[in-house]
Amino acid sequence: MTLGELIAALEAADPTKVAPNGFANPHSYRGYYEDLAFEPARNITIGAMLAAARSAVGTTYQGWKGGDYTMTADTDVWLADEGYCGETLGPTLLRLILEGAQDAPSLRDRLREALTRPLPCPRCGSTRPCRCYVEATEKTDARLDALMAVLDEETR
């Protein structure tokens, strides 16, 4: 797959969807310096992958043993950590990436997850229920309920 084909496929997808396994950070591919590689990335939007791909068009990267390589729409693309060889980024792999993409969690869901993530007890450091942890959790739950009520009002 070429960089131009990759961009066209990403443009046809919903940019707000989040791919659990995607790519970012374009660089000169270690296997063939004139080719372009992207590093694997987790939980990245289709829009961010598209931005990374578009940013590579016309950009000059240095090869691993020297030389400057300018990427074009006709440049072949790979999936590889910088400095390593990797996999061809072809239609099948891209289809799997795009099919795995999901709706981004809402702000409400992200806040709830962040605010309900277990934290160590501020008194004893335990992450398991303890007497002081239960007291702190009850206070946190009350604050969380109040915050979620405000958020509900703001997002209606």
N, C-alpha and C. Protein backbone atom coordinates (compact mmCIF):
# COMPACT_ATOMS: atom_id res chain seq x y z
N MET A 1 0.85 -1.17 0.00
CA MET A 1 0.00 0.00 0.00
C MET A 1 0.89 1.23 0.00
N THR A 2 0.47 2.23 -0.73
CA THR A 2 1.23 3.48 -0.78
C THR A 2 0.66 4.47 0.23
N LEU A 3 1.43 5.51 0.48
CA LEU A 3 0.99 6.55 1.40
C LEU A 3 -0.29 7.20 0.90
N GLY A 4 -0.39 7.43 -0.40
CA GLY A 4 -1.60 8.02 -0.97
C GLY A 4 -2.82 7.12 -0.78
N GLU A 5 -2.64 5.82 -0.97
CA GLU A 5 -3.75 4.88 -0.77
C GLU A 5 -4.16 4.83 0.70
N LEU A 6 -3.18 4.90 1.58
CA LEU A 6 -3.46 4.91 3.02
C LEU A 6 -4.28 6.14 3.39
N ILE A 7 -3.86 7.29 2.89
CA ILE A 7 -4.58 8.54 3.18
C ILE A 7 -6.02 8.46 2.66
N ALA A 8 -6.19 7.95 1.44
CA ALA A 8 -7.54 7.84 0.86
C ALA A 8 -8.43 6.93 1.71
N ALA A 9 -7.89 5.82 2.18
CA ALA A 9 -8.67 4.89 3.01
C ALA A 9 -9.04 5.53 4.34
N LEU A 10 -8.11 6.25 4.93
CA LEU A 10 -8.39 6.91 6.21
C LEU A 10 -9.39 8.05 6.04
N GLU A 11 -9.33 8.75 4.92
CA GLU A 11 -10.28 9.83 4.66
C GLU A 11 -11.71 9.30 4.55
N ALA A 12 -11.86 8.05 4.12
CA ALA A 12 -13.18 7.45 3.96
C ALA A 12 -13.76 6.94 5.29
N ALA A 13 -12.95 6.92 6.32
CA ALA A 13 -13.38 6.39 7.63
C ALA A 13 -13.81 7.54 8.55
N ASP A 14 -14.53 7.20 9.60
CA ASP A 14 -14.99 8.18 10.59
C ASP A 14 -13.80 8.63 11.43
N PRO A 15 -13.42 9.91 11.35
CA PRO A 15 -12.23 10.38 12.06
C PRO A 15 -12.36 10.39 13.58
N THR A 16 -13.58 10.28 14.09
CA THR A 16 -13.78 10.32 15.54
C THR A 16 -13.66 8.95 16.20
N LYS A 17 -13.66 7.89 15.40
CA LYS A 17 -13.56 6.53 15.96
C LYS A 17 -12.16 6.33 16.54
N VAL A 18 -12.08 5.50 17.56
CA VAL A 18 -10.80 5.22 18.24
C VAL A 18 -10.39 3.78 17.93
N ALA A 19 -9.18 3.63 17.40
CA ALA A 19 -8.63 2.30 17.11
C ALA A 19 -7.82 1.83 18.31
N PRO A 20 -8.16 0.66 18.88
CA PRO A 20 -7.37 0.14 20.00
C PRO A 20 -5.92 -0.09 19.59
N ASN A 21 -5.72 -0.48 18.34
CA ASN A 21 -4.37 -0.70 17.80
C ASN A 21 -4.28 0.04 16.48
N GLY A 22 -3.52 1.12 16.47
CA GLY A 22 -3.37 1.93 15.27
C GLY A 22 -1.92 2.29 15.06
N PHE A 23 -1.68 3.49 14.56
CA PHE A 23 -0.31 3.90 14.28
C PHE A 23 -0.17 5.42 14.36
N ALA A 24 1.08 5.85 14.53
CA ALA A 24 1.42 7.28 14.62
C ALA A 24 2.92 7.42 14.34
N ASN A 25 3.44 8.60 14.48
CA ASN A 25 4.89 8.88 14.40
C ASN A 25 5.55 8.33 13.14
N PRO A 26 5.33 8.98 12.00
CA PRO A 26 5.98 8.52 10.77
C PRO A 26 7.50 8.72 10.83
N HIS A 27 8.21 7.81 10.16
CA HIS A 27 9.67 7.89 10.10
C HIS A 27 10.17 7.06 8.91
N SER A 28 11.43 7.23 8.57
CA SER A 28 12.04 6.43 7.51
C SER A 28 12.11 4.97 7.98
N TYR A 29 11.67 4.05 7.12
CA TYR A 29 11.64 2.64 7.48
C TYR A 29 13.06 2.07 7.52
N ARG A 30 13.37 1.30 8.54
CA ARG A 30 14.70 0.73 8.71
C ARG A 30 15.05 -0.25 7.59
N GLY A 31 14.05 -0.98 7.09
CA GLY A 31 14.31 -1.97 6.04
C GLY A 31 14.66 -1.35 4.70
N TYR A 32 13.91 -0.34 4.31
CA TYR A 32 14.13 0.38 3.04
C TYR A 32 13.98 1.85 3.36
N TYR A 33 15.08 2.55 3.42
CA TYR A 33 15.07 3.93 3.90
C TYR A 33 14.15 4.83 3.10
N GLU A 34 13.95 4.50 1.83
CA GLU A 34 13.09 5.34 0.99
C GLU A 34 11.60 5.11 1.27
N ASP A 35 11.29 4.09 2.07
CA ASP A 35 9.90 3.81 2.45
C ASP A 35 9.58 4.48 3.78
N LEU A 36 8.29 4.58 4.06
CA LEU A 36 7.81 5.23 5.27
C LEU A 36 7.26 4.20 6.24
N ALA A 37 7.55 4.37 7.51
CA ALA A 37 6.98 3.49 8.54
C ALA A 37 6.27 4.35 9.58
N PHE A 38 5.29 3.74 10.21
CA PHE A 38 4.59 4.35 11.34
C PHE A 38 4.79 3.44 12.54
N GLU A 39 4.92 4.05 13.71
CA GLU A 39 5.04 3.27 14.93
C GLU A 39 3.65 2.83 15.39
N PRO A 40 3.55 1.62 15.94
CA PRO A 40 2.27 1.21 16.51
C PRO A 40 1.84 2.17 17.62
N ALA A 41 0.54 2.41 17.71
CA ALA A 41 -0.01 3.29 18.75
C ALA A 41 -1.31 2.69 19.26
N ARG A 42 -1.56 2.87 20.53
CA ARG A 42 -2.78 2.32 21.14
C ARG A 42 -3.79 3.43 21.39
N ASN A 43 -5.07 3.06 21.22
CA ASN A 43 -6.17 3.98 21.50
C ASN A 43 -5.98 5.34 20.83
N ILE A 44 -5.93 5.31 19.52
CA ILE A 44 -5.70 6.52 18.73
C ILE A 44 -6.87 6.71 17.77
N THR A 45 -7.26 7.94 17.55
CA THR A 45 -8.38 8.19 16.65
C THR A 45 -7.95 8.01 15.19
N ILE A 46 -8.94 7.72 14.36
CA ILE A 46 -8.69 7.63 12.92
C ILE A 46 -8.18 8.98 12.43
N GLY A 47 -8.74 10.06 12.97
CA GLY A 47 -8.31 11.40 12.59
C GLY A 47 -6.84 11.65 12.90
N ALA A 48 -6.36 11.16 14.03
CA ALA A 48 -4.95 11.33 14.39
C ALA A 48 -4.05 10.52 13.46
N MET A 49 -4.50 9.32 13.08
CA MET A 49 -3.72 8.52 12.13
C MET A 49 -3.68 9.22 10.78
N LEU A 50 -4.81 9.78 10.36
CA LEU A 50 -4.86 10.51 9.09
C LEU A 50 -3.93 11.71 9.13
N ALA A 51 -3.93 12.44 10.22
CA ALA A 51 -3.03 13.60 10.36
C ALA A 51 -1.57 13.17 10.27
N ALA A 52 -1.22 12.05 10.89
CA ALA A 52 0.15 11.55 10.83
C ALA A 52 0.52 11.19 9.40
N ALA A 53 -0.40 10.54 8.69
CA ALA A 53 -0.13 10.14 7.30
C ALA A 53 0.01 11.37 6.41
N ARG A 54 -0.90 12.32 6.55
CA ARG A 54 -0.82 13.54 5.74
C ARG A 54 0.47 14.31 6.02
N SER A 55 0.90 14.32 7.28
CA SER A 55 2.10 15.08 7.64
C SER A 55 3.35 14.53 6.97
N ALA A 56 3.31 13.27 6.58
CA ALA A 56 4.50 12.64 5.99
C ALA A 56 4.68 13.00 4.52
N VAL A 57 3.60 13.38 3.83
CA VAL A 57 3.70 13.71 2.40
C VAL A 57 4.56 14.96 2.25
N GLY A 58 5.64 14.83 1.49
CA GLY A 58 6.56 15.94 1.26
C GLY A 58 7.60 16.14 2.34
N THR A 59 7.54 15.34 3.39
CA THR A 59 8.51 15.46 4.48
C THR A 59 9.75 14.64 4.16
N THR A 60 10.91 15.18 4.51
CA THR A 60 12.18 14.50 4.28
C THR A 60 12.66 13.90 5.59
N TYR A 61 12.97 12.61 5.55
CA TYR A 61 13.47 11.89 6.73
C TYR A 61 14.87 11.40 6.43
N GLN A 62 15.68 11.24 7.47
CA GLN A 62 17.03 10.70 7.30
C GLN A 62 16.98 9.18 7.40
N GLY A 63 17.74 8.53 6.50
CA GLY A 63 17.86 7.08 6.55
C GLY A 63 18.78 6.68 7.70
N TRP A 64 18.73 5.41 8.07
CA TRP A 64 19.51 4.94 9.21
C TRP A 64 21.01 4.98 8.99
N LYS A 65 21.44 4.86 7.76
CA LYS A 65 22.88 4.94 7.47
C LYS A 65 23.18 6.20 6.67
N GLY A 66 22.31 7.19 6.83
CA GLY A 66 22.51 8.45 6.14
C GLY A 66 21.60 8.59 4.93
N GLY A 67 21.64 9.74 4.35
CA GLY A 67 20.81 10.03 3.19
C GLY A 67 19.48 10.64 3.59
N ASP A 68 18.97 11.47 2.72
CA ASP A 68 17.68 12.11 2.95
C ASP A 68 16.66 11.51 2.00
N TYR A 69 15.48 11.22 2.52
CA TYR A 69 14.42 10.56 1.74
C TYR A 69 13.12 11.34 1.92
N THR A 70 12.64 11.90 0.82
CA THR A 70 11.40 12.66 0.84
C THR A 70 10.25 11.74 0.47
N MET A 71 9.22 11.73 1.31
CA MET A 71 8.08 10.84 1.11
C MET A 71 7.05 11.50 0.19
N THR A 72 6.46 10.69 -0.68
CA THR A 72 5.42 11.15 -1.60
C THR A 72 4.20 10.25 -1.46
N ALA A 73 3.16 10.57 -2.20
CA ALA A 73 1.95 9.74 -2.17
C ALA A 73 2.22 8.34 -2.71
N ASP A 74 3.31 8.17 -3.47
CA ASP A 74 3.65 6.86 -4.05
C ASP A 74 4.59 6.03 -3.17
N THR A 75 4.94 6.54 -2.01
CA THR A 75 5.85 5.84 -1.10
C THR A 75 5.14 4.67 -0.43
N ASP A 76 5.80 3.51 -0.37
CA ASP A 76 5.25 2.34 0.33
C ASP A 76 5.28 2.57 1.84
N VAL A 77 4.30 1.99 2.54
CA VAL A 77 4.19 2.21 3.99
C VAL A 77 4.29 0.90 4.77
N TRP A 78 4.83 1.03 5.98
CA TRP A 78 5.08 -0.11 6.87
C TRP A 78 4.61 0.24 8.28
N LEU A 79 4.47 -0.78 9.09
CA LEU A 79 4.18 -0.62 10.52
C LEU A 79 5.39 -1.18 11.26
N ALA A 80 6.15 -0.29 11.91
CA ALA A 80 7.38 -0.72 12.59
C ALA A 80 7.81 0.32 13.60
N ASP A 81 8.31 -0.14 14.73
CA ASP A 81 8.91 0.78 15.68
C ASP A 81 10.13 1.40 15.03
N GLU A 82 10.41 2.64 15.38
CA GLU A 82 11.54 3.33 14.79
C GLU A 82 12.83 2.56 15.08
N GLY A 83 13.60 2.32 14.03
CA GLY A 83 14.86 1.60 14.18
C GLY A 83 14.75 0.11 13.97
N TYR A 84 13.54 -0.39 13.73
CA TYR A 84 13.31 -1.83 13.56
C TYR A 84 12.58 -2.11 12.25
N CYS A 85 12.73 -3.33 11.77
CA CYS A 85 11.93 -3.78 10.64
C CYS A 85 10.56 -4.20 11.17
N GLY A 86 9.57 -4.23 10.30
CA GLY A 86 8.23 -4.55 10.76
C GLY A 86 7.39 -5.20 9.69
N GLU A 87 6.11 -4.85 9.68
CA GLU A 87 5.13 -5.45 8.79
C GLU A 87 4.72 -4.45 7.71
N THR A 88 4.39 -4.98 6.55
CA THR A 88 3.82 -4.13 5.51
C THR A 88 2.47 -3.62 6.00
N LEU A 89 2.22 -2.34 5.84
CA LEU A 89 0.92 -1.77 6.17
C LEU A 89 0.10 -1.82 4.89
N GLY A 90 -0.62 -2.92 4.73
CA GLY A 90 -1.39 -3.15 3.52
C GLY A 90 -2.88 -3.09 3.77
N PRO A 91 -3.67 -3.38 2.74
CA PRO A 91 -5.13 -3.30 2.86
C PRO A 91 -5.72 -4.18 3.95
N THR A 92 -5.20 -5.39 4.12
CA THR A 92 -5.76 -6.30 5.12
C THR A 92 -5.51 -5.78 6.53
N LEU A 93 -4.28 -5.39 6.82
CA LEU A 93 -3.97 -4.86 8.15
C LEU A 93 -4.75 -3.58 8.41
N LEU A 94 -4.84 -2.70 7.42
CA LEU A 94 -5.58 -1.46 7.61
C LEU A 94 -7.06 -1.75 7.85
N ARG A 95 -7.63 -2.71 7.13
CA ARG A 95 -9.04 -3.07 7.33
C ARG A 95 -9.26 -3.55 8.77
N LEU A 96 -8.34 -4.37 9.28
CA LEU A 96 -8.46 -4.85 10.66
C LEU A 96 -8.37 -3.70 11.66
N ILE A 97 -7.48 -2.76 11.40
CA ILE A 97 -7.36 -1.59 12.27
C ILE A 97 -8.66 -0.79 12.27
N LEU A 98 -9.19 -0.54 11.07
CA LEU A 98 -10.40 0.28 10.96
C LEU A 98 -11.64 -0.44 11.50
N GLU A 99 -11.73 -1.75 11.28
CA GLU A 99 -12.87 -2.51 11.79
C GLU A 99 -12.87 -2.58 13.32
N GLY A 100 -11.69 -2.52 13.91
CA GLY A 100 -11.59 -2.56 15.37
C GLY A 100 -11.87 -1.23 16.04
N ALA A 101 -11.97 -0.17 15.23
CA ALA A 101 -12.19 1.16 15.79
C ALA A 101 -13.60 1.27 16.38
N GLN A 102 -13.68 1.98 17.49
CA GLN A 102 -14.95 2.13 18.21
C GLN A 102 -15.23 3.61 18.45
N ASP A 103 -16.47 3.89 18.84
CA ASP A 103 -16.80 5.26 19.21
C ASP A 103 -15.93 5.67 20.39
N ALA A 104 -15.51 6.91 20.37
CA ALA A 104 -14.72 7.43 21.49
C ALA A 104 -15.62 7.49 22.73
N PRO A 105 -15.08 7.16 23.89
CA PRO A 105 -15.89 7.26 25.10
C PRO A 105 -16.31 8.72 25.33
N SER A 106 -17.51 8.89 25.83
CA SER A 106 -18.00 10.24 26.11
C SER A 106 -17.20 10.86 27.25
N LEU A 107 -17.29 12.16 27.34
CA LEU A 107 -16.62 12.86 28.44
C LEU A 107 -17.12 12.31 29.78
N ARG A 108 -18.41 12.06 29.86
CA ARG A 108 -19.00 11.51 31.09
C ARG A 108 -18.35 10.17 31.43
N ASP A 109 -18.23 9.27 30.43
CA ASP A 109 -17.63 7.96 30.68
C ASP A 109 -16.16 8.07 31.07
N ARG A 110 -15.44 8.98 30.41
CA ARG A 110 -14.02 9.15 30.74
C ARG A 110 -13.85 9.69 32.15
N LEU A 111 -14.70 10.65 32.53
CA LEU A 111 -14.62 11.19 33.88
C LEU A 111 -14.97 10.14 34.92
N ARG A 112 -16.04 9.38 34.65
CA ARG A 112 -16.44 8.34 35.60
C ARG A 112 -15.31 7.33 35.78
N GLU A 113 -14.69 6.93 34.68
CA GLU A 113 -13.59 5.95 34.76
C GLU A 113 -12.44 6.53 35.57
N ALA A 114 -12.10 7.78 35.30
CA ALA A 114 -10.97 8.40 36.01
C ALA A 114 -11.27 8.58 37.50
N LEU A 115 -12.51 8.95 37.79
CA LEU A 115 -12.86 9.23 39.18
C LEU A 115 -13.16 7.98 39.99
N THR A 116 -13.44 6.88 39.34
CA THR A 116 -13.74 5.65 40.08
C THR A 116 -12.59 4.65 40.06
N ARG A 117 -11.51 5.00 39.42
CA ARG A 117 -10.34 4.13 39.39
C ARG A 117 -9.83 3.96 40.82
N PRO A 118 -9.58 2.72 41.25
CA PRO A 118 -9.11 2.52 42.62
C PRO A 118 -7.78 3.24 42.87
N LEU A 119 -7.75 3.96 43.95
CA LEU A 119 -6.53 4.66 44.35
C LEU A 119 -6.10 4.14 45.71
N PRO A 120 -4.83 4.24 46.02
CA PRO A 120 -4.39 3.81 47.35
C PRO A 120 -5.01 4.69 48.43
N CYS A 121 -5.26 4.09 49.55
CA CYS A 121 -5.80 4.82 50.70
C CYS A 121 -4.80 5.92 51.08
N PRO A 122 -5.27 7.15 51.24
CA PRO A 122 -4.35 8.23 51.59
C PRO A 122 -3.75 8.10 52.98
N ARG A 123 -4.38 7.29 53.82
CA ARG A 123 -3.87 7.13 55.19
C ARG A 123 -2.87 5.99 55.31
N CYS A 124 -3.27 4.80 54.80
CA CYS A 124 -2.40 3.63 55.02
C CYS A 124 -1.77 3.09 53.73
N GLY A 125 -2.20 3.58 52.58
CA GLY A 125 -1.61 3.14 51.31
C GLY A 125 -2.23 1.89 50.73
N SER A 126 -3.17 1.26 51.42
CA SER A 126 -3.79 0.03 50.94
C SER A 126 -4.69 0.30 49.74
N THR A 127 -4.68 -0.62 48.78
CA THR A 127 -5.63 -0.53 47.67
C THR A 127 -6.80 -1.48 47.88
N ARG A 128 -6.79 -2.18 48.98
CA ARG A 128 -7.89 -3.06 49.37
C ARG A 128 -8.73 -2.36 50.44
N PRO A 129 -9.98 -2.78 50.58
CA PRO A 129 -10.81 -2.12 51.60
C PRO A 129 -10.19 -2.19 52.99
N CYS A 130 -10.10 -1.06 53.61
CA CYS A 130 -9.66 -0.95 55.00
C CYS A 130 -10.59 0.06 55.67
N ARG A 131 -10.51 0.16 56.95
CA ARG A 131 -11.45 1.05 57.64
C ARG A 131 -11.31 2.49 57.14
N CYS A 132 -10.09 2.99 57.07
CA CYS A 132 -9.91 4.38 56.64
C CYS A 132 -10.21 4.53 55.15
N TYR A 133 -9.95 3.49 54.35
CA TYR A 133 -10.23 3.53 52.92
C TYR A 133 -11.74 3.64 52.69
N VAL A 134 -12.53 2.89 53.44
CA VAL A 134 -13.99 2.93 53.30
C VAL A 134 -14.51 4.32 53.62
N GLU A 135 -13.99 4.95 54.67
CA GLU A 135 -14.43 6.31 55.02
C GLU A 135 -14.08 7.29 53.90
N ALA A 136 -12.87 7.19 53.36
CA ALA A 136 -12.45 8.08 52.28
C ALA A 136 -13.28 7.83 51.02
N THR A 137 -13.59 6.56 50.74
CA THR A 137 -14.37 6.21 49.56
C THR A 137 -15.78 6.77 49.65
N GLU A 138 -16.38 6.71 50.83
CA GLU A 138 -17.74 7.25 51.00
C GLU A 138 -17.77 8.74 50.68
N LYS A 139 -16.75 9.48 51.12
CA LYS A 139 -16.67 10.91 50.82
C LYS A 139 -16.48 11.13 49.33
N THR A 140 -15.63 10.33 48.71
CA THR A 140 -15.37 10.44 47.28
C THR A 140 -16.63 10.13 46.48
N ASP A 141 -17.38 9.10 46.88
CA ASP A 141 -18.61 8.75 46.19
C ASP A 141 -19.61 9.90 46.22
N ALA A 142 -19.72 10.58 47.34
CA ALA A 142 -20.65 11.71 47.45
C ALA A 142 -20.21 12.83 46.52
N ARG A 143 -18.91 13.11 46.46
CA ARG A 143 -18.41 14.15 45.56
C ARG A 143 -18.60 13.75 44.11
N LEU A 144 -18.39 12.47 43.81
CA LEU A 144 -18.57 11.97 42.45
C LEU A 144 -20.03 12.13 42.01
N ASP A 145 -20.97 11.78 42.88
CA ASP A 145 -22.39 11.93 42.55
C ASP A 145 -22.73 13.39 42.26
N ALA A 146 -22.20 14.30 43.06
CA ALA A 146 -22.46 15.73 42.85
C ALA A 146 -21.86 16.20 41.53
N LEU A 147 -20.64 15.77 41.24
CA LEU A 147 -19.98 16.14 39.99
C LEU A 147 -20.74 15.60 38.79
N MET A 148 -21.18 14.35 38.86
CA MET A 148 -21.90 13.75 37.74
C MET A 148 -23.24 14.45 37.53
N ALA A 149 -23.89 14.91 38.59
CA ALA A 149 -25.15 15.65 38.45
C ALA A 149 -24.92 16.96 37.70
N VAL A 150 -23.83 17.67 38.04
CA VAL A 150 -23.49 18.91 37.33
C VAL A 150 -23.19 18.61 35.87
N LEU A 151 -22.43 17.56 35.63
CA LEU A 151 -22.08 17.19 34.26
C LEU A 151 -23.33 16.85 33.46
N ASP A 152 -24.27 16.13 34.06
CA ASP A 152 -25.52 15.80 33.38
C ASP A 152 -26.27 17.07 32.97
N GLU A 153 -26.32 18.05 33.86
CA GLU A 153 -27.01 19.31 33.55
C GLU A 153 -26.32 20.05 32.42
N GLU A 154 -24.99 20.06 32.41
CA GLU A 154 -24.23 20.79 31.41
C GLU A 154 -24.30 20.15 30.02
N THR A 155 -24.48 18.85 29.96
CA THR A 155 -24.45 18.16 28.67
C THR A 155 -25.83 17.94 28.08
N ARG A 156 -26.86 18.48 28.70
CA ARG A 156 -28.23 18.35 28.15
C ARG A 156 -28.53 19.44 27.19
